[in-house]
Amino acid sequence: MGPPPSRRPASLAAWLSANAFHPAPGALAPGASAGPAWSGGRPRVIGILNLTPDSFSDGGRLATVEDALRAAGRMLAQGADGLDLGGQSTRPGASDVGPEEEARRVLPALAAIRAAHPEAILSVDTFHAPVAAAALEAGADWINDVGGGRRDPAILKVVAAADCPYVLMHSRGDSTCMDELAVYGDVVLEVRQELLEGSGRAMAAGIRRERLIWDPGLGFAKTTEQNLELLRRLSELAGDGFPVLVGPSRKRFIGAVLEEPRPRARLWGTAAVCGQAIAAGATILRVHDVGPIVQVVRMAAVLRG
């Protein structure tokens, strides 16, 4: 028997605009209207599952498939709209472990979570085309690419063939050199321009526009002040018609502002950033601490009316 069918959204816009915290089965049936922009509802919350020994805040905590399965169940019970599984640390200074090791870390957990939670939206965080292809075959719904198609351009054809949502993140260089590339005249304008260029490459490879999600790449080739400026002016990115995913969870710039060196102690700073992102038009929040951020989203939705 093959893997259980994925919950790959036939319409990304329909998923984003759904008001329920968990879309009902069949709500994303083929033929539902699709569009490039988020059309309402409340931001979605995606829980992070790091299947790595060296991620910056929780490396090694999910050392077995059973650990990952428990964490997935907990996040979904807390209200996560989806889960993002990663087997490659992208923190500054991290080494590329290669697609074979990355797949070894991700695929067993992905298969177990898909089997246990067939209705869950599952994303795989990878910039390797072979990992993306294997993950989609194993039941992943999305690909979340921190390289935005630069690190392994073949990933764009993989995503196009699968016709799945694709998170195109802004970054420069790789984990070994990105801090040296945080040089901008106007960080918001240049990030926007580079996202537009990346979107052009993705569409030229066959990815439909309505499958694209933008991520400004907080912490990737950005200084603390540049991250803050992107958040202050996030509406300028949200105005281009692409859903915007923001991933601020526990990051260095929050620690710098709060003078908090412990990543796991940055929850309230993360919550404040998520509130700002929601107000500026973010449509998806990618976080470690699902329960508290779901509460932030619910409260923000009520305040917005």
Protein backbone atom coordinates (compact mmCIF):
# COMPACT_ATOMS: atom_id res chain seq x y z
CA MET A 1 0.00 0.00 0.00
CA GLY A 2 1.17 3.52 -0.75
CA PRO A 3 1.10 6.46 1.66
CA PRO A 4 -2.27 7.87 2.74
CA PRO A 5 -3.45 10.67 0.43
CA SER A 6 -2.31 14.12 1.45
CA ARG A 7 -4.63 16.98 2.33
CA ARG A 8 -2.95 19.14 -0.33
CA PRO A 9 -5.26 22.16 -0.63
CA ALA A 10 -6.95 22.33 -4.02
CA SER A 11 -7.36 26.02 -3.22
CA LEU A 12 -4.85 27.80 -1.04
CA ALA A 13 -7.13 30.82 -0.89
CA ALA A 14 -10.00 28.67 0.38
CA TRP A 15 -7.83 27.25 3.15
CA LEU A 16 -6.59 30.67 4.19
CA SER A 17 -10.06 32.21 4.20
CA ALA A 18 -11.74 29.39 6.14
CA ASN A 19 -12.98 30.62 9.52
CA ALA A 20 -12.85 27.30 11.36
CA PHE A 21 -9.60 26.46 13.11
CA HIS A 22 -9.66 23.06 11.39
CA PRO A 23 -11.19 22.98 7.87
CA ALA A 24 -13.93 20.39 7.58
CA PRO A 25 -13.24 17.37 5.38
CA GLY A 26 -14.20 18.24 1.81
CA ALA A 27 -13.98 22.00 2.39
CA LEU A 28 -11.04 22.16 -0.01
CA ALA A 29 -12.57 20.04 -2.74
CA PRO A 30 -11.38 20.37 -6.34
CA GLY A 31 -13.12 23.25 -8.06
CA ALA A 32 -13.12 25.55 -5.03
CA SER A 33 -12.24 29.06 -6.08
CA ALA A 34 -8.55 29.88 -6.05
CA GLY A 35 -6.92 33.27 -6.05
CA PRO A 36 -3.58 34.86 -5.39
CA ALA A 37 -4.58 36.77 -2.30
CA TRP A 38 -5.92 35.93 1.14
CA SER A 39 -9.60 36.86 1.18
CA GLY A 40 -10.58 36.85 4.81
CA GLY A 41 -10.83 34.66 7.88
CA ARG A 42 -7.97 34.67 10.38
CA PRO A 43 -4.28 33.91 10.06
CA ARG A 44 -3.30 30.26 10.09
CA VAL A 45 -0.87 28.88 12.68
CA ILE A 46 1.74 26.36 11.57
CA GLY A 47 3.62 24.41 14.24
CA ILE A 48 7.35 23.76 13.84
CA LEU A 49 8.68 20.21 14.20
CA ASN A 50 12.48 20.28 14.06
CA LEU A 51 13.80 16.76 13.48
CA THR A 52 17.41 17.87 13.84
CA PRO A 53 20.07 17.50 16.53
CA ASP A 54 21.32 21.08 16.08
CA SER A 55 18.44 23.53 15.55
CA PHE A 56 18.98 26.77 17.42
CA SER A 57 16.26 26.42 20.07
CA ASP A 58 15.11 22.81 20.21
CA GLY A 59 17.69 20.64 18.47
CA GLY A 60 17.59 17.03 19.61
CA ARG A 61 14.25 17.28 21.43
CA LEU A 62 12.47 15.16 18.82
CA ALA A 63 15.01 12.36 18.58
CA THR A 64 12.63 9.55 17.58
CA VAL A 65 9.57 9.08 15.40
CA GLU A 66 7.55 8.57 18.57
CA ASP A 67 8.74 11.94 19.92
CA ALA A 68 7.72 13.65 16.69
CA LEU A 69 4.33 11.92 16.65
CA ARG A 70 3.58 13.03 20.22
CA ALA A 71 4.62 16.60 19.48
CA ALA A 72 2.49 16.64 16.34
CA GLY A 73 -0.57 15.41 18.21
CA ARG A 74 -0.04 18.00 20.93
CA MET A 75 0.28 20.89 18.47
CA LEU A 76 -2.80 19.82 16.52
CA ALA A 77 -4.78 19.52 19.76
CA GLN A 78 -3.66 23.06 20.67
CA GLY A 79 -5.14 24.40 17.45
CA ALA A 80 -2.37 24.22 14.85
CA ASP A 81 -3.72 24.48 11.31
CA GLY A 82 -0.73 22.57 10.01
CA LEU A 83 2.75 21.32 10.82
CA ASP A 84 6.12 22.09 9.23
CA LEU A 85 8.68 19.28 9.44
CA GLY A 86 12.37 19.99 8.94
CA GLY A 87 15.48 17.82 8.95
CA GLN A 88 18.10 20.46 8.13
CA SER A 89 19.08 23.19 10.57
CA THR A 90 19.25 26.59 8.86
CA ARG A 91 20.59 28.55 11.82
CA PRO A 92 23.65 30.73 11.15
CA GLY A 93 26.73 28.52 10.93
CA ALA A 94 24.82 25.27 10.38
CA SER A 95 26.27 22.73 7.96
CA ASP A 96 24.31 21.28 5.05
CA VAL A 97 23.79 17.61 5.95
CA GLY A 98 22.80 16.70 2.38
CA PRO A 99 19.57 15.29 0.99
CA GLU A 100 20.14 11.66 2.03
CA GLU A 101 20.56 12.47 5.73
CA GLU A 102 17.77 15.03 5.61
CA ALA A 103 15.39 12.49 4.10
CA ARG A 104 16.43 9.90 6.69
CA ARG A 105 15.43 12.32 9.44
CA VAL A 106 12.17 13.53 7.91
CA LEU A 107 10.45 10.76 5.99
CA PRO A 108 9.76 8.26 8.82
CA ALA A 109 8.23 10.98 11.00
CA LEU A 110 6.24 12.36 8.07
CA ALA A 111 4.82 8.92 7.29
CA ALA A 112 3.87 8.30 10.93
CA ILE A 113 2.20 11.70 11.34
CA ARG A 114 0.34 11.36 8.04
CA ALA A 115 -0.97 7.94 9.07
CA ALA A 116 -2.05 9.16 12.52
CA HIS A 117 -3.48 12.48 11.32
CA PRO A 118 -4.72 12.01 7.75
CA GLU A 119 -6.58 15.35 7.74
CA ALA A 120 -3.61 17.46 8.89
CA ILE A 121 -1.87 19.90 6.56
CA LEU A 122 1.80 18.87 6.52
CA SER A 123 4.62 21.00 5.15
CA VAL A 124 8.23 19.92 4.70
CA ASP A 125 10.97 22.50 5.14
CA THR A 126 13.67 21.71 2.57
CA PHE A 127 15.72 23.30 -0.18
CA HIS A 128 16.71 19.96 -1.73
CA ALA A 129 14.73 18.77 -4.74
CA PRO A 130 15.11 15.03 -3.95
CA VAL A 131 13.81 15.55 -0.41
CA ALA A 132 10.89 17.60 -1.68
CA ALA A 133 9.98 14.91 -4.22
CA ALA A 134 10.18 12.11 -1.64
CA ALA A 135 8.19 14.13 0.92
CA LEU A 136 5.40 14.89 -1.52
CA GLU A 137 5.26 11.22 -2.49
CA ALA A 138 5.04 10.30 1.20
CA GLY A 139 2.05 12.57 1.78
CA ALA A 140 3.34 16.11 2.39
CA ASP A 141 1.04 18.89 1.25
CA TRP A 142 3.48 21.79 0.89
CA ILE A 143 7.11 22.59 0.40
CA ASN A 144 8.66 25.35 2.49
CA ASP A 145 11.92 26.39 0.82
CA VAL A 146 14.28 28.69 2.74
CA GLY A 147 16.35 28.96 -0.41
CA GLY A 148 13.49 30.29 -2.51
CA GLY A 149 14.59 28.04 -5.38
CA ARG A 150 18.18 29.34 -5.38
CA ARG A 151 19.91 26.52 -3.51
CA ASP A 152 18.56 23.73 -5.73
CA PRO A 153 16.64 25.15 -8.73
CA ALA A 154 15.30 21.67 -9.58
CA ILE A 155 12.96 21.99 -6.60
CA LEU A 156 10.81 24.38 -8.63
CA LYS A 157 10.04 21.69 -11.21
CA VAL A 158 9.24 19.22 -8.42
CA VAL A 159 6.73 21.62 -6.89
CA ALA A 160 5.26 22.51 -10.29
CA ALA A 161 4.70 18.83 -11.11
CA ALA A 162 2.98 18.28 -7.75
CA ASP A 163 0.92 21.49 -8.13
CA CYS A 164 1.24 22.11 -4.41
CA PRO A 165 1.61 25.30 -2.35
CA TYR A 166 5.17 26.59 -2.17
CA VAL A 167 6.60 28.89 0.49
CA LEU A 168 9.18 31.05 -1.25
CA MET A 169 11.38 32.58 1.43
CA HIS A 170 13.74 35.50 1.01
CA SER A 171 17.33 34.74 1.88
CA ARG A 172 20.84 35.38 0.63
CA GLY A 173 23.74 32.96 0.58
CA ASP A 174 23.53 30.03 2.98
CA SER A 175 23.94 29.40 6.70
CA THR A 176 27.71 29.82 6.53
CA CYS A 177 27.71 33.30 4.96
CA MET A 178 24.27 34.89 5.20
CA ASP A 179 25.17 37.28 8.04
CA GLU A 180 27.82 38.85 5.79
CA LEU A 181 25.18 39.53 3.12
CA ALA A 182 22.86 41.65 5.28
CA VAL A 183 23.63 44.79 3.28
CA TYR A 184 20.69 46.79 1.93
CA GLY A 185 19.87 50.31 0.90
CA ASP A 186 16.19 49.84 1.75
CA VAL A 187 15.63 46.38 3.20
CA VAL A 188 11.88 46.29 2.51
CA LEU A 189 12.14 47.40 -1.10
CA GLU A 190 15.03 45.03 -1.81
CA VAL A 191 13.39 42.04 -0.11
CA ARG A 192 10.21 42.75 -2.08
CA GLN A 193 12.15 42.97 -5.34
CA GLU A 194 14.01 39.74 -4.67
CA LEU A 195 10.75 37.97 -3.77
CA LEU A 196 9.23 39.20 -7.03
CA GLU A 197 12.25 37.89 -8.95
CA GLY A 198 12.00 34.54 -7.15
CA SER A 199 8.30 34.37 -7.92
CA GLY A 200 9.08 35.00 -11.57
CA ARG A 201 11.52 32.09 -11.61
CA ALA A 202 8.99 29.86 -9.86
CA MET A 203 6.23 30.68 -12.32
CA ALA A 204 8.60 30.23 -15.27
CA ALA A 205 9.24 26.70 -13.92
CA GLY A 206 5.50 26.01 -13.96
CA ILE A 207 4.35 26.85 -10.41
CA ARG A 208 0.99 28.58 -10.55
CA ARG A 209 0.86 32.05 -9.03
CA GLU A 210 -1.94 31.05 -6.68
CA ARG A 211 0.31 28.38 -5.17
CA LEU A 212 2.96 30.87 -4.03
CA ILE A 213 3.36 32.08 -0.44
CA TRP A 214 5.89 34.78 0.42
CA ASP A 215 8.11 34.65 3.50
CA PRO A 216 10.31 37.73 4.15
CA GLY A 217 12.89 35.49 5.84
CA LEU A 218 13.25 37.07 9.27
CA GLY A 219 16.75 36.36 10.53
CA PHE A 220 18.11 35.24 7.17
CA ALA A 221 20.70 37.75 5.96
CA LYS A 222 19.13 40.46 8.11
CA THR A 223 20.34 42.41 11.13
CA THR A 224 18.15 43.04 14.14
CA GLU A 225 17.20 46.50 12.85
CA GLN A 226 16.49 45.15 9.38
CA ASN A 227 14.16 42.50 10.82
CA LEU A 228 12.33 45.17 12.81
CA GLU A 229 12.00 47.41 9.74
CA LEU A 230 10.52 44.53 7.75
CA LEU A 231 7.95 43.98 10.48
CA ARG A 232 7.10 47.68 10.72
CA ARG A 233 6.52 47.81 6.97
CA LEU A 234 5.20 44.30 6.42
CA SER A 235 2.05 45.71 4.83
CA GLU A 236 4.18 46.72 1.83
CA LEU A 237 4.85 43.03 1.16
CA ALA A 238 1.29 41.97 1.94
CA GLY A 239 0.06 44.43 -0.67
CA ASP A 240 1.45 42.44 -3.60
CA GLY A 241 -1.34 39.88 -3.53
CA PHE A 242 0.63 36.88 -2.25
CA PRO A 243 -0.20 35.31 1.13
CA VAL A 244 2.58 36.22 3.56
CA LEU A 245 4.04 33.75 6.05
CA VAL A 246 6.01 35.16 8.97
CA GLY A 247 8.34 32.99 11.04
CA PRO A 248 9.64 35.03 14.01
CA SER A 249 9.58 32.26 16.59
CA ARG A 250 12.32 32.55 19.26
CA LYS A 251 14.71 34.24 16.83
CA ARG A 252 17.91 36.13 17.57
CA PHE A 253 16.50 39.58 16.88
CA ILE A 254 13.87 39.05 19.59
CA GLY A 255 16.61 37.98 21.98
CA ALA A 256 18.63 41.07 21.06
CA VAL A 257 15.73 43.45 21.75
CA LEU A 258 14.77 41.74 25.01
CA GLU A 259 18.35 40.98 26.08
CA GLU A 260 17.23 37.35 26.41
CA PRO A 261 19.88 34.81 25.38
CA ARG A 262 17.65 31.78 25.95
CA PRO A 263 15.61 31.02 22.80
CA ARG A 264 12.89 29.15 24.68
CA ALA A 265 12.35 32.19 26.93
CA ARG A 266 11.41 34.43 23.98
CA LEU A 267 7.74 33.43 23.84
CA TRP A 268 6.30 36.82 24.78
CA GLY A 269 8.54 38.63 22.34
CA THR A 270 7.39 36.17 19.68
CA ALA A 271 3.76 36.82 20.63
CA ALA A 272 4.27 40.58 20.26
CA VAL A 273 5.82 40.12 16.83
CA CYS A 274 2.93 37.88 15.78
CA GLY A 275 0.44 40.54 16.87
CA GLN A 276 2.25 43.13 14.76
CA ALA A 277 2.41 40.74 11.81
CA ILE A 278 -1.32 40.04 12.01
CA ALA A 279 -2.11 43.76 12.06
CA ALA A 280 0.11 44.26 8.99
CA GLY A 281 -1.60 41.54 6.96
CA ALA A 282 0.32 38.31 7.61
CA THR A 283 -1.73 35.27 6.69
CA ILE A 284 0.35 32.44 8.18
CA LEU A 285 2.43 32.32 11.36
CA ARG A 286 5.09 29.62 11.75
CA VAL A 287 5.89 29.06 15.43
CA HIS A 288 7.22 26.64 18.04
CA ASP A 289 4.73 27.53 20.80
CA VAL A 290 1.41 26.76 19.15
CA GLY A 291 -1.01 27.07 22.09
CA PRO A 292 -0.11 30.63 23.15
CA ILE A 293 0.09 31.90 19.54
CA VAL A 294 -3.30 30.39 18.70
CA GLN A 295 -4.64 32.48 21.59
CA VAL A 296 -2.94 35.58 20.15
CA VAL A 297 -4.55 34.91 16.77
CA ARG A 298 -7.99 34.35 18.24
CA MET A 299 -7.83 37.52 20.29
CA ALA A 300 -6.54 39.52 17.34
CA ALA A 301 -9.37 38.22 15.16
CA VAL A 302 -11.97 39.38 17.69
CA LEU A 303 -10.35 42.81 18.00
CA ARG A 304 -10.28 43.22 14.22
CA GLY A 305 -13.99 42.42 14.08
